[in-house]
Structures are given as structure tokens and as C-alpha cells.
């Protein structure tokens, strides 16, 4: 594996806001993808007073080769979680709320109703906040996806994660075309949310394969795109094939923008929900035009 380059390393620093976020999450017994996935931006985001909530427990039914979240048999969904999450949104005074989840293939609807209940609870507690959901694929069930979309999230995100060729290795229980179908379905839903997806680099893909994925996402109606560096979360996961330089990330962003994406965030430490509010604002400004 290549050595960690200097542009990946970050100083360790926490401030008062970090402690406040941590206390709210602890008091309300909430999970975050920041902590469970060992996100490299946890300190930066929590220092800014924000976090990405992870619902439906802390155990995933899938075993993707890029993810640090525990795989196993989950417990039943916590019926009180939506209200506790809404309370956290109030306490943290969030203007842009990002909600993701573990994948729950054990549930008949994949957890779609729990997503909808969480959106409704947040909307009732903080009507002025924008709500972004980052969902699993629900096994490709359009009816489950419709339950989430009918709850009217402002942004619907589902990550493609990697290029077509690598999907069976990296996401063995997922499917490239199924994920594109999810995005295509969301883009056709009325009222339409902003549609977003994300990719990682450094898993063994080529630049030509990335360009194909960009084109496929844009053709599916994806408007917002994140592209970040894959970092191996533990030794049992896939090794990093390459580290992409900041200059090359800038070129990837330019390429994606030329394909018509409304907003693109590309960089070594970019993740699906990293500075999500800023990306959504940039897309809205692009849509309005000069």
C-alpha cells in the first residue's frame, strides 16, 4: 500500500463545539457515520457544530470492502429514534440535516418507513431546516424508495461508490445498475428532490472508468456529486491502490462540471456528507443561473 501522503494528514484539534456535539449525541443515544465509519473529517465537522446522523442501529447486514461499520445481525429498529434525532437537530440548531443509515436487508422495507418517520420528526421540530438523506438501495424495491421520497427530503443521496468493473468486489451485495436505477427513480419523482451521489477513488479504477461513471450518473439525473479518496479503515478491508493528488482532484471536478453537474465537491478528504450544506447551496445558485 502507498504511504499516506502529506495532503491526507490532518492536525488533531477539538474545541468547545466538538464537546457540545458529542454530549448531545451521547445524551440522546444517537449514532453517527462520523464515528462508526471513522470519517477523517469528524473533528472538523463536530468543531463546526454538525454531524451526520446514522439511523437504524450501528450494525449493517452487508460487508462492503470500503466500510468500517460493523457487519452482523442488527437489532429491531428503535421506534424512539426519530424523535431523539429531531431533538438533537433542535439542540444543535442545524440548518442542514444529513441522515444516513446502515443497510437493513433483514427488514421487509429495508428501513424505508423509519427514514420517513425520521424526516417527518425533523420537519416538525425544525421546519426551516433542509433535510438530506443518504439511503441504501432497499434491494432495488421502488415501493420502499417511494416511501422515503414521499416524505419529501430536500436532497436524496445514494452513493454509486465505485466504477462498474469494481462493484462486485467492493459492494458484493449491491449492484451498479440497481444504484443508477435508484437515482433515476428519484430524479423522476414529483416533487423532485435534488439528486446526489458519490464516488471514491483509489480502489483500483482507471480515469476512463471514472469518466464512464460520471456520465452514467449524469444520465441518471444526478445533479450533485462528491468524489473523495478511499482510505482503508482496517486491515481486513481493501488496500488503497493509489492516492490521487489535490491537483488531479481539481481536474476531476472540472471534468464533472463540464458534464453538467450543478455542483461538485472533489478532494482527498471529501465524503458524501462533507460540507453538504455548502454543496446544496452551490447547486441552487447554479440552477438559478446568472
Protein backbone atom coordinates (compact mmCIF):
# COMPACT_ATOMS: atom_id res chain seq x y z
CA UNK A 1 0.00 0.00 0.00
CA UNK A 2 1.32 3.51 -0.82
CA UNK A 3 2.40 5.60 2.15
CA UNK A 4 -0.05 8.18 3.41
CA UNK A 5 0.76 11.45 1.59
CA UNK A 6 1.11 14.77 3.38
CA UNK A 7 -2.15 16.17 2.00
CA UNK A 8 -4.15 13.45 3.77
CA UNK A 9 -2.75 14.10 7.24
CA UNK A 10 -4.71 16.46 9.45
CA UNK A 11 -3.89 18.11 12.79
CA UNK A 12 -5.77 16.75 15.79
CA UNK A 13 -7.80 19.52 17.38
CA UNK A 14 -11.07 19.67 19.24
CA UNK A 15 -12.81 22.72 20.64
CA UNK A 16 -15.86 23.52 22.71
CA UNK A 17 -18.28 22.85 19.85
CA UNK A 18 -16.86 19.33 19.47
CA UNK A 19 -17.65 18.57 23.09
CA UNK A 20 -21.14 20.00 22.75
CA UNK A 21 -21.93 17.81 19.74
CA UNK A 22 -20.52 14.75 21.49
CA UNK A 23 -22.62 15.44 24.59
CA UNK A 24 -25.85 15.83 22.63
CA UNK A 25 -25.25 12.58 20.74
CA UNK A 26 -24.39 10.72 23.93
CA UNK A 27 -27.35 12.06 25.89
CA UNK A 28 -29.77 11.12 23.10
CA UNK A 29 -28.15 7.75 22.32
CA UNK A 30 -27.65 8.53 18.64
CA UNK A 31 -25.19 7.03 16.16
CA UNK A 32 -23.22 8.97 13.56
CA UNK A 33 -21.44 7.79 10.44
CA UNK A 34 -18.70 10.20 11.52
CA UNK A 35 -17.78 7.89 14.40
CA UNK A 36 -18.89 4.48 13.13
CA UNK A 37 -17.15 4.82 9.76
CA UNK A 38 -14.05 6.53 11.19
CA UNK A 39 -14.53 9.56 8.96
CA UNK A 40 -11.35 11.67 8.70
CA UNK A 41 -13.45 14.84 8.91
CA UNK A 42 -15.12 14.10 12.24
CA UNK A 43 -13.13 16.67 14.17
CA UNK A 44 -13.63 19.40 11.58
CA UNK A 45 -17.37 18.81 11.32
CA UNK A 46 -18.01 18.43 15.04
CA UNK A 47 -15.90 21.52 15.69
CA UNK A 48 -18.32 23.33 13.36
CA UNK A 49 -21.25 22.02 15.38
CA UNK A 50 -22.58 19.49 12.88
CA UNK A 51 -22.66 15.72 12.43
CA UNK A 52 -24.13 13.13 10.06
CA UNK A 53 -26.73 11.00 11.83
CA UNK A 54 -26.85 7.25 11.22
CA UNK A 55 -30.22 5.62 11.91
CA UNK A 56 -31.45 2.02 12.18
CA UNK A 57 -28.69 0.97 14.53
CA UNK A 58 -24.96 0.54 14.29
CA UNK A 59 -24.79 -2.92 12.66
CA UNK A 60 -25.04 -3.41 8.89
CA UNK A 61 -26.27 -6.51 7.08
CA UNK A 62 -23.73 -6.01 4.29
CA UNK A 63 -19.95 -6.31 4.17
CA UNK A 64 -18.69 -3.75 1.67
CA UNK A 65 -14.93 -3.72 1.21
CA UNK A 66 -14.53 0.00 1.88
CA UNK A 67 -16.58 0.44 5.06
CA UNK A 68 -15.68 0.34 8.75
CA UNK A 69 -19.25 -0.11 10.05
CA UNK A 70 -19.76 -3.42 11.88
CA UNK A 71 -21.38 -6.25 9.91
CA UNK A 72 -23.75 -8.63 11.66
CA UNK A 73 -27.33 -9.26 12.76
CA UNK A 74 -28.94 -5.92 13.72
CA UNK A 75 -31.45 -5.37 16.49
CA UNK A 76 -35.01 -4.22 15.80
CA UNK A 77 -35.41 -0.55 14.77
CA UNK A 78 -35.74 1.83 17.71
CA UNK A 79 -39.17 3.47 17.48
CA UNK A 80 -37.99 6.38 19.62
CA UNK A 81 -35.00 7.21 17.44
CA UNK A 82 -36.75 9.65 15.06
CA UNK A 83 -37.89 11.87 17.93
CA UNK A 84 -34.49 11.77 19.63
CA UNK A 85 -32.81 12.70 16.37
CA UNK A 86 -35.22 15.60 15.93
CA UNK A 87 -34.36 16.74 19.47
CA UNK A 88 -30.67 16.70 18.54
CA UNK A 89 -31.37 18.80 15.46
CA UNK A 90 -33.12 21.35 17.68
CA UNK A 91 -30.38 21.38 20.29
CA UNK A 92 -27.63 21.75 17.70
CA UNK A 93 -29.69 24.30 15.73
CA UNK A 94 -28.85 22.59 12.46
CA UNK A 95 -29.91 24.27 9.22
CA UNK A 96 -28.96 21.32 7.02
CA UNK A 97 -29.60 17.84 8.42
CA UNK A 98 -27.94 14.79 6.88
CA UNK A 99 -29.43 11.39 7.74
CA UNK A 100 -27.93 8.11 6.60
CA UNK A 101 -28.26 4.53 7.80
CA UNK A 102 -26.77 1.09 7.89
CA UNK A 103 -28.21 -1.26 5.28
CA UNK A 104 -31.06 -3.34 6.71
CA UNK A 105 -31.66 -6.24 4.31
CA UNK A 106 -33.33 -8.00 7.25
CA UNK A 107 -36.33 -5.64 7.18
CA UNK A 108 -39.17 -6.09 4.65
CA UNK A 109 -38.93 -2.43 3.57
CA UNK A 110 -35.19 -2.06 4.17
CA UNK A 111 -35.92 0.59 6.80
CA UNK A 112 -37.74 2.97 4.44
CA UNK A 113 -40.59 3.66 6.89
CA UNK A 114 -38.04 4.52 9.58
CA UNK A 115 -36.40 7.00 7.21
CA UNK A 116 -39.80 8.57 6.52
CA UNK A 117 -40.63 8.79 10.23
CA UNK A 118 -37.29 10.47 10.90
CA UNK A 119 -37.80 13.01 8.12
CA UNK A 120 -41.27 13.81 9.50
CA UNK A 121 -39.96 14.23 13.05
CA UNK A 122 -37.18 16.57 11.94
CA UNK A 123 -39.56 18.55 9.74
CA UNK A 124 -41.95 19.03 12.66
CA UNK A 125 -39.18 20.06 15.05
CA UNK A 126 -37.33 22.39 12.67
CA UNK A 127 -39.46 23.30 9.63
CA UNK A 128 -36.84 25.67 8.18
CA UNK A 129 -34.06 23.05 8.03
CA UNK A 130 -33.11 21.34 4.78
CA UNK A 131 -33.12 17.57 5.06
CA UNK A 132 -30.72 15.37 3.11
CA UNK A 133 -30.98 11.59 3.18
CA UNK A 134 -28.25 9.18 2.13
CA UNK A 135 -30.01 5.84 1.73
CA UNK A 136 -29.08 2.25 0.96
CA UNK A 137 -30.56 0.65 -2.15
CA UNK A 138 -33.53 -1.08 -0.41
CA UNK A 139 -32.77 -4.13 -2.53
CA UNK A 140 -33.96 -2.20 -5.57
CA UNK A 141 -37.56 -2.02 -4.28
CA UNK A 142 -39.19 1.02 -5.87
CA UNK A 143 -42.06 0.91 -3.37
CA UNK A 144 -39.64 1.30 -0.46
CA UNK A 145 -37.85 4.15 -2.19
CA UNK A 146 -41.20 5.87 -2.81
CA UNK A 147 -41.92 5.80 0.93
CA UNK A 148 -38.76 7.83 1.54
CA UNK A 149 -39.33 10.20 -1.37
CA UNK A 150 -42.96 10.79 -0.35
CA UNK A 151 -41.64 12.15 2.96
CA UNK A 152 -40.12 14.93 0.83
CA UNK A 153 -36.44 15.15 1.68
CA UNK A 154 -34.83 18.19 0.10
CA UNK A 155 -31.83 16.17 -1.11
CA UNK A 156 -31.84 12.47 -1.99
CA UNK A 157 -28.39 10.87 -1.98
CA UNK A 158 -27.46 7.34 -2.90
CA UNK A 159 -23.81 6.56 -3.49
CA UNK A 160 -22.56 4.67 -6.52
CA UNK A 161 -19.27 4.34 -4.58
CA UNK A 162 -17.08 2.92 -7.37
CA UNK A 163 -16.90 2.14 -11.07
CA UNK A 164 -18.83 -0.59 -12.85
CA UNK A 165 -15.97 -3.14 -13.06
CA UNK A 166 -15.18 -2.98 -9.35
CA UNK A 167 -18.73 -3.19 -7.99
CA UNK A 168 -18.77 -6.99 -7.47
CA UNK A 169 -15.51 -6.80 -5.47
CA UNK A 170 -16.21 -3.64 -3.48
CA UNK A 171 -20.00 -3.92 -2.99
CA UNK A 172 -20.75 -7.63 -3.43
CA UNK A 173 -24.34 -7.33 -2.18
CA UNK A 174 -25.08 -4.22 -4.25
CA UNK A 175 -25.29 -3.60 -7.99
CA UNK A 176 -24.14 -0.80 -10.29
CA UNK A 177 -27.31 -0.71 -12.40
CA UNK A 178 -29.52 -1.01 -9.33
CA UNK A 179 -27.90 2.07 -7.82
CA UNK A 180 -28.28 4.02 -11.05
CA UNK A 181 -31.92 2.94 -11.11
CA UNK A 182 -32.42 4.35 -7.61
CA UNK A 183 -31.09 7.72 -8.71
CA UNK A 184 -33.10 7.67 -11.93
CA UNK A 185 -36.27 6.92 -9.96
CA UNK A 186 -35.61 9.77 -7.52
CA UNK A 187 -34.93 12.19 -10.38
CA UNK A 188 -38.35 11.36 -11.89
CA UNK A 189 -40.27 11.62 -8.62
CA UNK A 190 -42.58 14.59 -8.01
CA UNK A 191 -41.99 16.77 -6.12
CA UNK A 192 -38.40 16.17 -7.14
CA UNK A 193 -35.60 16.39 -4.59
CA UNK A 194 -32.08 17.41 -5.53
CA UNK A 195 -30.37 14.16 -6.54
CA UNK A 196 -26.87 13.43 -5.31
CA UNK A 197 -24.31 10.64 -5.44
CA UNK A 198 -20.70 9.95 -4.51
CA UNK A 199 -17.67 8.03 -5.72
CA UNK A 200 -14.36 7.02 -4.18
CA UNK A 201 -11.01 6.90 -5.95
CA UNK A 202 -8.09 4.71 -5.03
CA UNK A 203 -9.89 1.37 -5.21
CA UNK A 204 -8.22 0.28 -8.45
CA UNK A 205 -10.28 2.20 -11.00
CA UNK A 206 -8.91 3.96 -14.07
CA UNK A 207 -9.60 7.54 -15.07
CA UNK A 208 -11.56 6.31 -18.10
CA UNK A 209 -13.75 4.21 -15.82
CA UNK A 210 -14.35 7.21 -13.58
CA UNK A 211 -15.41 9.24 -16.60
CA UNK A 212 -17.86 6.48 -17.55
CA UNK A 213 -19.30 6.56 -14.03
CA UNK A 214 -19.63 10.36 -14.17
CA UNK A 215 -21.54 10.06 -17.45
CA UNK A 216 -23.76 7.29 -16.13
CA UNK A 217 -24.63 9.32 -13.03
CA UNK A 218 -25.42 12.42 -15.04
CA UNK A 219 -27.59 10.42 -17.45
CA UNK A 220 -29.49 9.05 -14.44
CA UNK A 221 -30.38 12.60 -13.37
CA UNK A 222 -27.74 13.07 -10.68
CA UNK A 223 -27.11 16.80 -10.09
CA UNK A 224 -24.73 16.89 -7.13
CA UNK A 225 -21.55 14.80 -7.00
CA UNK A 226 -18.89 14.11 -4.38
CA UNK A 227 -15.56 12.45 -5.20
CA UNK A 228 -13.12 11.55 -2.43
CA UNK A 229 -10.07 9.47 -1.65
CA UNK A 230 -10.63 5.94 -0.37
CA UNK A 231 -8.81 5.32 2.90
CA UNK A 232 -8.52 1.77 4.19
CA UNK A 233 -10.42 1.68 7.50
CA UNK A 234 -8.84 -1.56 8.77
CA UNK A 235 -6.58 -4.38 7.58
CA UNK A 236 -9.46 -6.68 6.65
CA UNK A 237 -10.63 -4.19 4.02
CA UNK A 238 -9.33 -3.50 0.53
CA UNK A 239 -5.91 -1.91 0.22
CA UNK A 240 -5.54 1.57 -1.26
CA UNK A 241 -4.43 1.23 -4.89
CA UNK A 242 -3.36 4.85 -5.32
CA UNK A 243 -3.52 8.27 -3.71
CA UNK A 244 -4.88 10.96 -6.02
CA UNK A 245 -3.25 14.38 -5.69
CA UNK A 246 -5.22 17.58 -4.98
CA UNK A 247 -4.36 18.80 -8.48
CA UNK A 248 -5.83 15.65 -10.02
CA UNK A 249 -8.94 16.02 -7.88
CA UNK A 250 -9.32 19.55 -9.22
CA UNK A 251 -9.19 18.12 -12.74
CA UNK A 252 -11.83 15.52 -11.86
CA UNK A 253 -14.08 18.27 -10.54
CA UNK A 254 -13.62 20.28 -13.73
CA UNK A 255 -14.42 17.21 -15.84
CA UNK A 256 -17.59 16.51 -13.86
CA UNK A 257 -18.73 20.12 -14.05
CA UNK A 258 -18.28 20.04 -17.82
CA UNK A 259 -20.73 17.11 -17.95
CA UNK A 260 -23.43 19.30 -16.44
CA UNK A 261 -23.45 18.53 -12.72
CA UNK A 262 -24.85 21.51 -10.83
CA UNK A 263 -22.29 21.23 -8.03
CA UNK A 264 -19.25 19.02 -7.48
CA UNK A 265 -17.02 18.54 -4.45
CA UNK A 266 -13.83 16.64 -5.23
CA UNK A 267 -10.83 16.33 -2.95
CA UNK A 268 -8.78 13.92 -0.86
CA UNK A 269 -10.95 14.30 2.24
CA UNK A 270 -14.32 14.85 0.56
CA UNK A 271 -17.02 12.48 1.78
CA UNK A 272 -20.71 12.14 0.88
CA UNK A 273 -21.92 14.49 3.60
CA UNK A 274 -18.82 16.70 3.89
CA UNK A 275 -19.94 20.35 3.91
CA UNK A 276 -23.25 19.14 2.47
CA UNK A 277 -24.96 22.45 3.12
CA UNK A 278 -22.40 24.33 1.01
CA UNK A 279 -22.72 21.88 -1.89
CA UNK A 280 -26.51 22.18 -1.85
CA UNK A 281 -26.30 25.96 -1.82
CA UNK A 282 -23.86 25.90 -4.73
CA UNK A 283 -26.23 23.68 -6.72
CA UNK A 284 -29.15 26.00 -6.00
CA UNK A 285 -27.14 29.00 -7.16
CA UNK A 286 -26.14 27.16 -10.33
CA UNK A 287 -29.75 26.26 -11.06
CA UNK A 288 -30.82 29.91 -10.72
CA UNK A 289 -28.13 30.99 -13.15
CA UNK A 290 -26.60 34.48 -13.52
